[in-house]
Amino acid sequence: MKRTRGHKGRVEGRTTPHKAVADIRELIGDEPLTRDMLIEHLHKIQDNFGHIFNRHILALSIVME
């Protein structure tokens, strides 16, 4: 994802959390990446990390594309 700077030097847009993507891929393993498994994947993230961080949601969306 391209990062651009706004008028005040702030970074706009989201950056890809590479470590989070790797963590989610490892956590999900060989399970199907279909839409009907979304809740199951979120439960697995919650059980593993104790909390669903924004980076995990973004990483899950990247993995499930």
PDB file of N, CA and C in Angstrom:
ATOM      1  N   MET A   1       0.843  -1.175   0.000  1.00  0.00           N
ATOM      2  CA  MET A   1       0.000   0.000   0.000  1.00  0.00           C
ATOM      3  C   MET A   1       0.886   1.234   0.000  1.00  0.00           C
ATOM      4  N   LYS A   2       0.531   2.186  -0.811  1.00  0.00           N
ATOM      5  CA  LYS A   2       1.297   3.414  -0.915  1.00  0.00           C
ATOM      6  C   LYS A   2       0.961   4.344   0.240  1.00  0.00           C
ATOM      7  N   ARG A   3       1.972   4.888   0.852  1.00  0.00           N
ATOM      8  CA  ARG A   3       1.782   5.838   1.944  1.00  0.00           C
ATOM      9  C   ARG A   3       2.004   7.234   1.403  1.00  0.00           C
ATOM     10  N   THR A   4       1.070   8.118   1.704  1.00  0.00           N
ATOM     11  CA  THR A   4       1.198   9.506   1.249  1.00  0.00           C
ATOM     12  C   THR A   4       1.159  10.422   2.456  1.00  0.00           C
ATOM     13  N   ARG A   5       1.667  11.580   2.296  1.00  0.00           N
ATOM     14  CA  ARG A   5       1.674  12.554   3.384  1.00  0.00           C
ATOM     15  C   ARG A   5       0.651  13.644   3.088  1.00  0.00           C
ATOM     16  N   GLY A   6      -0.088  14.017   4.121  1.00  0.00           N
ATOM     17  CA  GLY A   6      -1.088  15.073   3.993  1.00  0.00           C
ATOM     18  C   GLY A   6      -0.447  16.438   4.152  1.00  0.00           C
ATOM     19  N   HIS A   7      -1.276  17.427   4.339  1.00  0.00           N
ATOM     20  CA  HIS A   7      -0.803  18.809   4.446  1.00  0.00           C
ATOM     21  C   HIS A   7       0.071  19.033   5.669  1.00  0.00           C
ATOM     22  N   LYS A   8      -0.193  18.339   6.769  1.00  0.00           N
ATOM     23  CA  LYS A   8       0.560  18.554   7.995  1.00  0.00           C
ATOM     24  C   LYS A   8       1.619  17.471   8.218  1.00  0.00           C
ATOM     25  N   GLY A   9       1.927  16.694   7.199  1.00  0.00           N
ATOM     26  CA  GLY A   9       2.965  15.683   7.331  1.00  0.00           C
ATOM     27  C   GLY A   9       2.488  14.369   7.927  1.00  0.00           C
ATOM     28  N   ARG A  10       1.180  14.228   8.148  1.00  0.00           N
ATOM     29  CA  ARG A  10       0.657  12.981   8.695  1.00  0.00           C
ATOM     30  C   ARG A  10       0.605  11.919   7.617  1.00  0.00           C
ATOM     31  N   VAL A  11       0.778  10.680   8.024  1.00  0.00           N
ATOM     32  CA  VAL A  11       0.663   9.569   7.086  1.00  0.00           C
ATOM     33  C   VAL A  11      -0.806   9.243   6.936  1.00  0.00           C
ATOM     34  N   GLU A  12      -1.275   9.170   5.685  1.00  0.00           N
ATOM     35  CA  GLU A  12      -2.669   8.850   5.413  1.00  0.00           C
ATOM     36  C   GLU A  12      -2.767   7.420   4.912  1.00  0.00           C
ATOM     37  N   GLY A  13      -3.885   6.789   5.150  1.00  0.00           N
ATOM     38  CA  GLY A  13      -4.084   5.422   4.705  1.00  0.00           C
ATOM     39  C   GLY A  13      -3.561   4.436   5.733  1.00  0.00           C
ATOM     40  N   ARG A  14      -3.689   3.170   5.423  1.00  0.00           N
ATOM     41  CA  ARG A  14      -3.247   2.126   6.343  1.00  0.00           C
ATOM     42  C   ARG A  14      -2.049   1.410   5.758  1.00  0.00           C
ATOM     43  N   THR A  15      -1.142   1.046   6.620  1.00  0.00           N
ATOM     44  CA  THR A  15       0.001   0.263   6.177  1.00  0.00           C
ATOM     45  C   THR A  15      -0.286  -1.204   6.468  1.00  0.00           C
ATOM     46  N   THR A  16       0.311  -2.073   5.701  1.00  0.00           N
ATOM     47  CA  THR A  16       0.103  -3.499   5.880  1.00  0.00           C
ATOM     48  C   THR A  16       0.923  -3.996   7.059  1.00  0.00           C
ATOM     49  N   PRO A  17       0.270  -4.612   8.037  1.00  0.00           N
ATOM     50  CA  PRO A  17       0.980  -5.137   9.199  1.00  0.00           C
ATOM     51  C   PRO A  17       1.559  -6.518   8.878  1.00  0.00           C
ATOM     52  N   HIS A  18       2.766  -6.560   8.336  1.00  0.00           N
ATOM     53  CA  HIS A  18       3.342  -7.803   7.836  1.00  0.00           C
ATOM     54  C   HIS A  18       3.430  -8.891   8.908  1.00  0.00           C
ATOM     55  N   LYS A  19       3.816  -8.544  10.125  1.00  0.00           N
ATOM     56  CA  LYS A  19       3.901  -9.541  11.183  1.00  0.00           C
ATOM     57  C   LYS A  19       2.522 -10.073  11.541  1.00  0.00           C
ATOM     58  N   ALA A  20       1.532  -9.201  11.572  1.00  0.00           N
ATOM     59  CA  ALA A  20       0.172  -9.629  11.885  1.00  0.00           C
ATOM     60  C   ALA A  20      -0.362 -10.563  10.803  1.00  0.00           C
ATOM     61  N   VAL A  21      -0.051 -10.288   9.542  1.00  0.00           N
ATOM     62  CA  VAL A  21      -0.481 -11.165   8.447  1.00  0.00           C
ATOM     63  C   VAL A  21       0.157 -12.538   8.609  1.00  0.00           C
ATOM     64  N   ALA A  22       1.438 -12.569   8.928  1.00  0.00           N
ATOM     65  CA  ALA A  22       2.120 -13.850   9.143  1.00  0.00           C
ATOM     66  C   ALA A  22       1.528 -14.591  10.331  1.00  0.00           C
ATOM     67  N   ASP A  23       1.223 -13.871  11.412  1.00  0.00           N
ATOM     68  CA  ASP A  23       0.617 -14.488  12.594  1.00  0.00           C
ATOM     69  C   ASP A  23      -0.739 -15.095  12.268  1.00  0.00           C
ATOM     70  N   ILE A  24      -1.554 -14.382  11.515  1.00  0.00           N
ATOM     71  CA  ILE A  24      -2.898 -14.866  11.165  1.00  0.00           C
ATOM     72  C   ILE A  24      -2.799 -16.065  10.233  1.00  0.00           C
ATOM     73  N   ARG A  25      -1.902 -16.009   9.262  1.00  0.00           N
ATOM     74  CA  ARG A  25      -1.738 -17.159   8.354  1.00  0.00           C
ATOM     75  C   ARG A  25      -1.318 -18.405   9.124  1.00  0.00           C
ATOM     76  N   GLU A  26      -0.407 -18.233  10.081  1.00  0.00           N
ATOM     77  CA  GLU A  26       0.037 -19.358  10.892  1.00  0.00           C
ATOM     78  C   GLU A  26      -1.090 -19.870  11.779  1.00  0.00           C
ATOM     79  N   LEU A  27      -1.863 -18.959  12.338  1.00  0.00           N
ATOM     80  CA  LEU A  27      -2.949 -19.330  13.231  1.00  0.00           C
ATOM     81  C   LEU A  27      -4.056 -20.084  12.494  1.00  0.00           C
ATOM     82  N   ILE A  28      -4.420 -19.625  11.316  1.00  0.00           N
ATOM     83  CA  ILE A  28      -5.503 -20.253  10.550  1.00  0.00           C
ATOM     84  C   ILE A  28      -5.040 -21.569   9.928  1.00  0.00           C
ATOM     85  N   GLY A  29      -3.795 -21.615   9.496  1.00  0.00           N
ATOM     86  CA  GLY A  29      -3.262 -22.850   8.924  1.00  0.00           C
ATOM     87  C   GLY A  29      -3.960 -23.238   7.640  1.00  0.00           C
ATOM     88  N   ASP A  30      -4.409 -24.490   7.587  1.00  0.00           N
ATOM     89  CA  ASP A  30      -5.025 -25.030   6.369  1.00  0.00           C
ATOM     90  C   ASP A  30      -6.548 -24.916   6.355  1.00  0.00           C
ATOM     91  N   GLU A  31      -7.109 -24.187   7.311  1.00  0.00           N
ATOM     92  CA  GLU A  31      -8.561 -24.050   7.346  1.00  0.00           C
ATOM     93  C   GLU A  31      -9.032 -23.230   6.142  1.00  0.00           C
ATOM     94  N   PRO A  32     -10.267 -23.465   5.694  1.00  0.00           N
ATOM     95  CA  PRO A  32     -10.781 -22.727   4.529  1.00  0.00           C
ATOM     96  C   PRO A  32     -10.861 -21.221   4.794  1.00  0.00           C
ATOM     97  N   LEU A  33     -10.626 -20.451   3.759  1.00  0.00           N
ATOM     98  CA  LEU A  33     -10.676 -18.987   3.857  1.00  0.00           C
ATOM     99  C   LEU A  33     -11.966 -18.448   3.254  1.00  0.00           C
ATOM    100  N   THR A  34     -13.054 -19.163   3.474  1.00  0.00           N
ATOM    101  CA  THR A  34     -14.346 -18.758   2.936  1.00  0.00           C
ATOM    102  C   THR A  34     -15.061 -17.834   3.919  1.00  0.00           C
ATOM    103  N   ARG A  35     -16.031 -17.076   3.394  1.00  0.00           N
ATOM    104  CA  ARG A  35     -16.735 -16.090   4.208  1.00  0.00           C
ATOM    105  C   ARG A  35     -17.482 -16.728   5.374  1.00  0.00           C
ATOM    106  N   ASP A  36     -17.972 -17.963   5.187  1.00  0.00           N
ATOM    107  CA  ASP A  36     -18.723 -18.601   6.256  1.00  0.00           C
ATOM    108  C   ASP A  36     -17.841 -18.993   7.440  1.00  0.00           C
ATOM    109  N   MET A  37     -16.513 -18.910   7.290  1.00  0.00           N
ATOM    110  CA  MET A  37     -15.582 -19.229   8.371  1.00  0.00           C
ATOM    111  C   MET A  37     -15.095 -17.984   9.115  1.00  0.00           C
ATOM    112  N   LEU A  38     -15.591 -16.803   8.742  1.00  0.00           N
ATOM    113  CA  LEU A  38     -15.114 -15.553   9.327  1.00  0.00           C
ATOM    114  C   LEU A  38     -15.244 -15.534  10.854  1.00  0.00           C
ATOM    115  N   ILE A  39     -16.409 -15.897  11.362  1.00  0.00           N
ATOM    116  CA  ILE A  39     -16.623 -15.867  12.807  1.00  0.00           C
ATOM    117  C   ILE A  39     -15.704 -16.865  13.506  1.00  0.00           C
ATOM    118  N   GLU A  40     -15.511 -18.026  12.906  1.00  0.00           N
ATOM    119  CA  GLU A  40     -14.610 -19.027  13.493  1.00  0.00           C
ATOM    120  C   GLU A  40     -13.178 -18.495  13.572  1.00  0.00           C
ATOM    121  N   HIS A  41     -12.748 -17.813  12.515  1.00  0.00           N
ATOM    122  CA  HIS A  41     -11.396 -17.238  12.508  1.00  0.00           C
ATOM    123  C   HIS A  41     -11.267 -16.140  13.564  1.00  0.00           C
ATOM    124  N   LEU A  42     -12.300 -15.322  13.706  1.00  0.00           N
ATOM    125  CA  LEU A  42     -12.275 -14.268  14.732  1.00  0.00           C
ATOM    126  C   LEU A  42     -12.230 -14.871  16.135  1.00  0.00           C
ATOM    127  N   HIS A  43     -12.967 -15.956  16.346  1.00  0.00           N
ATOM    128  CA  HIS A  43     -12.913 -16.646  17.644  1.00  0.00           C
ATOM    129  C   HIS A  43     -11.510 -17.186  17.915  1.00  0.00           C
ATOM    130  N   LYS A  44     -10.897 -17.721  16.888  1.00  0.00           N
ATOM    131  CA  LYS A  44      -9.543 -18.275  17.044  1.00  0.00           C
ATOM    132  C   LYS A  44      -8.546 -17.166  17.397  1.00  0.00           C
ATOM    133  N   ILE A  45      -8.680 -16.008  16.760  1.00  0.00           N
ATOM    134  CA  ILE A  45      -7.813 -14.863  17.065  1.00  0.00           C
ATOM    135  C   ILE A  45      -8.039 -14.417  18.507  1.00  0.00           C
ATOM    136  N   GLN A  46      -9.305 -14.313  18.907  1.00  0.00           N
ATOM    137  CA  GLN A  46      -9.638 -13.904  20.266  1.00  0.00           C
ATOM    138  C   GLN A  46      -9.052 -14.879  21.289  1.00  0.00           C
ATOM    139  N   ASP A  47      -9.196 -16.175  21.039  1.00  0.00           N
ATOM    140  CA  ASP A  47      -8.686 -17.188  21.964  1.00  0.00           C
ATOM    141  C   ASP A  47      -7.166 -17.154  22.056  1.00  0.00           C
ATOM    142  N   ASN A  48      -6.516 -16.912  20.937  1.00  0.00           N
ATOM    143  CA  ASN A  48      -5.053 -16.935  20.901  1.00  0.00           C
ATOM    144  C   ASN A  48      -4.416 -15.674  21.498  1.00  0.00           C
ATOM    145  N   PHE A  49      -4.947 -14.504  21.150  1.00  0.00           N
ATOM    146  CA  PHE A  49      -4.338 -13.238  21.566  1.00  0.00           C
ATOM    147  C   PHE A  49      -5.047 -12.590  22.755  1.00  0.00           C
ATOM    148  N   GLY A  50      -6.243 -13.079  23.105  1.00  0.00           N
ATOM    149  CA  GLY A  50      -6.985 -12.512  24.220  1.00  0.00           C
ATOM    150  C   GLY A  50      -7.741 -11.246  23.866  1.00  0.00           C
ATOM    151  N   HIS A  51      -7.550 -10.754  22.668  1.00  0.00           N
ATOM    152  CA  HIS A  51      -8.171  -9.510  22.216  1.00  0.00           C
ATOM    153  C   HIS A  51      -8.041  -9.467  20.707  1.00  0.00           C
ATOM    154  N   ILE A  52      -8.986  -8.866  20.028  1.00  0.00           N
ATOM    155  CA  ILE A  52      -8.881  -8.702  18.579  1.00  0.00           C
ATOM    156  C   ILE A  52      -8.438  -7.267  18.312  1.00  0.00           C
ATOM    157  N   PHE A  53      -7.175  -7.121  17.970  1.00  0.00           N
ATOM    158  CA  PHE A  53      -6.614  -5.804  17.674  1.00  0.00           C
ATOM    159  C   PHE A  53      -6.968  -5.402  16.247  1.00  0.00           C
ATOM    160  N   ASN A  54      -6.926  -4.113  15.966  1.00  0.00           N
ATOM    161  CA  ASN A  54      -7.203  -3.617  14.609  1.00  0.00           C
ATOM    162  C   ASN A  54      -6.278  -4.256  13.588  1.00  0.00           C
ATOM    163  N   ARG A  55      -5.015  -4.449  13.975  1.00  0.00           N
ATOM    164  CA  ARG A  55      -4.055  -5.042  13.035  1.00  0.00           C
ATOM    165  C   ARG A  55      -4.455  -6.472  12.663  1.00  0.00           C
ATOM    166  N   HIS A  56      -5.105  -7.178  13.580  1.00  0.00           N
ATOM    167  CA  HIS A  56      -5.546  -8.540  13.287  1.00  0.00           C
ATOM    168  C   HIS A  56      -6.730  -8.539  12.321  1.00  0.00           C
ATOM    169  N   ILE A  57      -7.630  -7.593  12.480  1.00  0.00           N
ATOM    170  CA  ILE A  57      -8.760  -7.493  11.559  1.00  0.00           C
ATOM    171  C   ILE A  57      -8.266  -7.165  10.158  1.00  0.00           C
ATOM    172  N   LEU A  58      -7.345  -6.228  10.058  1.00  0.00           N
ATOM    173  CA  LEU A  58      -6.777  -5.872   8.761  1.00  0.00           C
ATOM    174  C   LEU A  58      -6.029  -7.054   8.163  1.00  0.00           C
ATOM    175  N   ALA A  59      -5.256  -7.758   8.975  1.00  0.00           N
ATOM    176  CA  ALA A  59      -4.508  -8.915   8.488  1.00  0.00           C
ATOM    177  C   ALA A  59      -5.455 -10.022   8.034  1.00  0.00           C
ATOM    178  N   LEU A  60      -6.526 -10.260   8.779  1.00  0.00           N
ATOM    179  CA  LEU A  60      -7.490 -11.284   8.384  1.00  0.00           C
ATOM    180  C   LEU A  60      -8.153 -10.923   7.066  1.00  0.00           C
ATOM    181  N   SER A  61      -8.442  -9.644   6.868  1.00  0.00           N
ATOM    182  CA  SER A  61      -9.054  -9.232   5.601  1.00  0.00           C
ATOM    183  C   SER A  61      -8.090  -9.432   4.428  1.00  0.00           C
ATOM    184  N   ILE A  62      -6.801  -9.221   4.673  1.00  0.00           N
ATOM    185  CA  ILE A  62      -5.799  -9.447   3.626  1.00  0.00           C
ATOM    186  C   ILE A  62      -5.682 -10.933   3.304  1.00  0.00           C
ATOM    187  N   VAL A  63      -5.667 -11.756   4.330  1.00  0.00           N
ATOM    188  CA  VAL A  63      -5.516 -13.204   4.152  1.00  0.00           C
ATOM    189  C   VAL A  63      -6.742 -13.795   3.459  1.00  0.00           C
ATOM    190  N   MET A  64      -7.933 -13.283   3.769  1.00  0.00           N
ATOM    191  CA  MET A  64      -9.163 -13.845   3.229  1.00  0.00           C
ATOM    192  C   MET A  64      -9.566 -13.269   1.875  1.00  0.00           C
ATOM    193  N   GLU A  65      -8.797 -12.376   1.314  1.00  0.00           N
ATOM    194  CA  GLU A  65      -9.153 -11.781   0.005  1.00  0.00           C
ATOM    195  C   GLU A  65      -9.295 -12.822  -1.059  1.00  0.00           C
TER     196      GLU A  65
END
